[in-house]
């Protein structure tokens, strides 16, 4: 990693592997927004985000390994190799995080188009 993860982003990314939705309250702002570009879904507010995360992990059994972290003008970009029960697994994902007052206020999740060969 080229840039240390801010604490709320570290909590969020760790929760992908533990499926611990209770920690969402520790890292996500109450009025946060998530745009899952691969699924073309928007989730507004902590309750909707918590439900979406729980449903996603239950369905897909996600395991995420961070491969790169960058800070571009205050937006933290996390590159993750994610595997699970979904077509194309494993897949690169790019998470674009905005943080304010030590909470995540916005996440854009973009699936990578690169081929991943293990």
C-alpha atoms as a PDB file:
ATOM      1  CA  UNK A   1       0.000   0.000   0.000  1.00  0.00           C
ATOM      2  CA  UNK A   2       1.324   3.379  -0.912  1.00  0.00           C
ATOM      3  CA  UNK A   3      -0.910   5.379   1.443  1.00  0.00           C
ATOM      4  CA  UNK A   4      -2.159   4.392   4.903  1.00  0.00           C
ATOM      5  CA  UNK A   5      -5.880   3.725   5.109  1.00  0.00           C
ATOM      6  CA  UNK A   6      -7.879   6.216   7.140  1.00  0.00           C
ATOM      7  CA  UNK A   7      -9.496   4.424  10.086  1.00  0.00           C
ATOM      8  CA  UNK A   8     -13.108   4.450   8.806  1.00  0.00           C
ATOM      9  CA  UNK A   9     -12.022   2.986   5.469  1.00  0.00           C
ATOM     10  CA  UNK A  10      -9.938   0.314   7.216  1.00  0.00           C
ATOM     11  CA  UNK A  11     -12.980  -0.644   9.294  1.00  0.00           C
ATOM     12  CA  UNK A  12     -15.184  -0.815   6.198  1.00  0.00           C
ATOM     13  CA  UNK A  13     -12.711  -2.889   4.161  1.00  0.00           C
ATOM     14  CA  UNK A  14     -12.101  -5.280   7.088  1.00  0.00           C
ATOM     15  CA  UNK A  15     -15.849  -5.749   7.422  1.00  0.00           C
ATOM     16  CA  UNK A  16     -15.986  -7.142   3.874  1.00  0.00           C
ATOM     17  CA  UNK A  17     -14.047 -10.177   5.087  1.00  0.00           C
ATOM     18  CA  UNK A  18     -15.753 -10.588   8.451  1.00  0.00           C
ATOM     19  CA  UNK A  19     -19.320  -9.854   7.307  1.00  0.00           C
ATOM     20  CA  UNK A  20     -19.691  -7.766  10.470  1.00  0.00           C
ATOM     21  CA  UNK A  21     -22.399  -5.237   9.616  1.00  0.00           C
ATOM     22  CA  UNK A  22     -22.452  -3.883  13.173  1.00  0.00           C
ATOM     23  CA  UNK A  23     -19.232  -1.962  12.505  1.00  0.00           C
ATOM     24  CA  UNK A  24     -20.963   0.017   9.743  1.00  0.00           C
ATOM     25  CA  UNK A  25     -22.135   2.452  12.446  1.00  0.00           C
ATOM     26  CA  UNK A  26     -18.475   3.112  13.331  1.00  0.00           C
ATOM     27  CA  UNK A  27     -17.369   4.067   9.840  1.00  0.00           C
ATOM     28  CA  UNK A  28     -20.333   5.289   7.759  1.00  0.00           C
ATOM     29  CA  UNK A  29     -22.073   8.661   8.109  1.00  0.00           C
ATOM     30  CA  UNK A  30     -25.821   8.483   8.726  1.00  0.00           C
ATOM     31  CA  UNK A  31     -26.528  10.229   5.406  1.00  0.00           C
ATOM     32  CA  UNK A  32     -23.820   8.450   3.373  1.00  0.00           C
ATOM     33  CA  UNK A  33     -24.283   7.361  -0.223  1.00  0.00           C
ATOM     34  CA  UNK A  34     -23.007   4.235  -1.987  1.00  0.00           C
ATOM     35  CA  UNK A  35     -23.060   3.764  -5.744  1.00  0.00           C
ATOM     36  CA  UNK A  36     -22.350   0.172  -6.779  1.00  0.00           C
ATOM     37  CA  UNK A  37     -21.639   0.796 -10.439  1.00  0.00           C
ATOM     38  CA  UNK A  38     -21.347  -2.901 -11.366  1.00  0.00           C
ATOM     39  CA  UNK A  39     -24.877  -3.566 -10.127  1.00  0.00           C
ATOM     40  CA  UNK A  40     -26.100  -0.055 -11.042  1.00  0.00           C
ATOM     41  CA  UNK A  41     -27.507   0.446  -7.542  1.00  0.00           C
ATOM     42  CA  UNK A  42     -27.566   3.452  -5.228  1.00  0.00           C
ATOM     43  CA  UNK A  43     -27.945   3.189  -1.457  1.00  0.00           C
ATOM     44  CA  UNK A  44     -28.689   6.260   0.630  1.00  0.00           C
ATOM     45  CA  UNK A  45     -28.364   6.363   4.389  1.00  0.00           C
ATOM     46  CA  UNK A  46     -26.790   4.060   6.914  1.00  0.00           C
ATOM     47  CA  UNK A  47     -29.790   1.697   7.220  1.00  0.00           C
ATOM     48  CA  UNK A  48     -29.912   1.035   3.465  1.00  0.00           C
ATOM     49  CA  UNK A  49     -26.132   0.610   3.321  1.00  0.00           C
ATOM     50  CA  UNK A  50     -26.102  -1.814   6.261  1.00  0.00           C
ATOM     51  CA  UNK A  51     -28.847  -3.943   4.636  1.00  0.00           C
ATOM     52  CA  UNK A  52     -27.121  -3.920   1.242  1.00  0.00           C
ATOM     53  CA  UNK A  53     -23.774  -4.931   2.769  1.00  0.00           C
ATOM     54  CA  UNK A  54     -25.346  -7.754   4.760  1.00  0.00           C
ATOM     55  CA  UNK A  55     -27.281  -9.047   1.763  1.00  0.00           C
ATOM     56  CA  UNK A  56     -24.186  -8.827  -0.488  1.00  0.00           C
ATOM     57  CA  UNK A  57     -21.950 -10.738   1.889  1.00  0.00           C
ATOM     58  CA  UNK A  58     -24.621 -13.366   2.585  1.00  0.00           C
ATOM     59  CA  UNK A  59     -25.175 -13.912  -1.132  1.00  0.00           C
ATOM     60  CA  UNK A  60     -21.634 -13.604  -2.476  1.00  0.00           C
ATOM     61  CA  UNK A  61     -19.413 -14.711   0.481  1.00  0.00           C
ATOM     62  CA  UNK A  62     -16.903 -11.986  -0.316  1.00  0.00           C
ATOM     63  CA  UNK A  63     -13.202 -12.116   0.475  1.00  0.00           C
ATOM     64  CA  UNK A  64     -11.329  -8.911  -0.289  1.00  0.00           C
ATOM     65  CA  UNK A  65      -7.574  -8.335  -0.438  1.00  0.00           C
ATOM     66  CA  UNK A  66      -6.372  -4.741  -0.730  1.00  0.00           C
ATOM     67  CA  UNK A  67      -3.653  -4.409  -3.341  1.00  0.00           C
ATOM     68  CA  UNK A  68      -3.230  -0.625  -3.554  1.00  0.00           C
ATOM     69  CA  UNK A  69      -4.288   2.561  -1.759  1.00  0.00           C
ATOM     70  CA  UNK A  70      -3.986   6.081  -3.190  1.00  0.00           C
ATOM     71  CA  UNK A  71      -5.110   9.552  -2.148  1.00  0.00           C
ATOM     72  CA  UNK A  72      -6.154  11.726  -5.087  1.00  0.00           C
ATOM     73  CA  UNK A  73      -7.258  15.197  -4.048  1.00  0.00           C
ATOM     74  CA  UNK A  74      -8.913  13.941  -0.865  1.00  0.00           C
ATOM     75  CA  UNK A  75     -10.551  10.905  -2.442  1.00  0.00           C
ATOM     76  CA  UNK A  76      -9.072   7.642  -1.202  1.00  0.00           C
ATOM     77  CA  UNK A  77      -8.921   5.008  -3.936  1.00  0.00           C
ATOM     78  CA  UNK A  78      -8.649   1.419  -2.739  1.00  0.00           C
ATOM     79  CA  UNK A  79      -7.911  -1.312  -5.258  1.00  0.00           C
ATOM     80  CA  UNK A  80      -9.087  -4.702  -4.064  1.00  0.00           C
ATOM     81  CA  UNK A  81      -8.919  -8.211  -5.457  1.00  0.00           C
ATOM     82  CA  UNK A  82     -12.239  -9.698  -4.426  1.00  0.00           C
ATOM     83  CA  UNK A  83     -13.339 -13.285  -4.690  1.00  0.00           C
ATOM     84  CA  UNK A  84     -16.598 -14.979  -3.863  1.00  0.00           C
ATOM     85  CA  UNK A  85     -19.691 -16.581  -5.347  1.00  0.00           C
ATOM     86  CA  UNK A  86     -20.123 -14.267  -8.327  1.00  0.00           C
ATOM     87  CA  UNK A  87     -19.392 -14.514 -12.073  1.00  0.00           C
ATOM     88  CA  UNK A  88     -15.853 -13.501 -12.959  1.00  0.00           C
ATOM     89  CA  UNK A  89     -14.430 -14.184  -9.491  1.00  0.00           C
ATOM     90  CA  UNK A  90     -11.799 -13.130  -8.613  1.00  0.00           C
ATOM     91  CA  UNK A  91     -12.336  -9.557  -9.769  1.00  0.00           C
ATOM     92  CA  UNK A  92     -10.561  -6.271  -9.247  1.00  0.00           C
ATOM     93  CA  UNK A  93     -12.697  -3.559  -7.695  1.00  0.00           C
ATOM     94  CA  UNK A  94     -11.900   0.103  -7.229  1.00  0.00           C
ATOM     95  CA  UNK A  95     -13.454   1.819  -4.225  1.00  0.00           C
ATOM     96  CA  UNK A  96     -13.525   5.619  -4.289  1.00  0.00           C
ATOM     97  CA  UNK A  97     -14.070   6.849  -0.715  1.00  0.00           C
ATOM     98  CA  UNK A  98     -14.883  10.324   0.527  1.00  0.00           C
ATOM     99  CA  UNK A  99     -14.410  10.863   4.266  1.00  0.00           C
ATOM    100  CA  UNK A 100     -15.539  13.796   6.431  1.00  0.00           C
ATOM    101  CA  UNK A 101     -15.463  14.104  10.225  1.00  0.00           C
ATOM    102  CA  UNK A 102     -13.846  10.651  10.431  1.00  0.00           C
ATOM    103  CA  UNK A 103     -16.809   8.930   8.711  1.00  0.00           C
ATOM    104  CA  UNK A 104     -17.291   7.708   5.148  1.00  0.00           C
ATOM    105  CA  UNK A 105     -19.747   9.961   3.342  1.00  0.00           C
ATOM    106  CA  UNK A 106     -19.575   8.462  -0.147  1.00  0.00           C
ATOM    107  CA  UNK A 107     -18.396   5.253  -1.811  1.00  0.00           C
ATOM    108  CA  UNK A 108     -18.251   4.596  -5.543  1.00  0.00           C
ATOM    109  CA  UNK A 109     -17.537   0.935  -6.315  1.00  0.00           C
ATOM    110  CA  UNK A 110     -16.226   0.304  -9.814  1.00  0.00           C
ATOM    111  CA  UNK A 111     -15.498  -3.193 -11.145  1.00  0.00           C
ATOM    112  CA  UNK A 112     -12.187  -3.454 -12.957  1.00  0.00           C
ATOM    113  CA  UNK A 113     -12.172  -4.499 -16.574  1.00  0.00           C
ATOM    114  CA  UNK A 114      -8.724  -6.041 -16.307  1.00  0.00           C
ATOM    115  CA  UNK A 115      -8.398  -9.797 -16.506  1.00  0.00           C
ATOM    116  CA  UNK A 116      -7.224 -11.374 -13.263  1.00  0.00           C
ATOM    117  CA  UNK A 117      -5.192 -14.534 -13.593  1.00  0.00           C
ATOM    118  CA  UNK A 118      -4.162 -16.346 -10.452  1.00  0.00           C
END
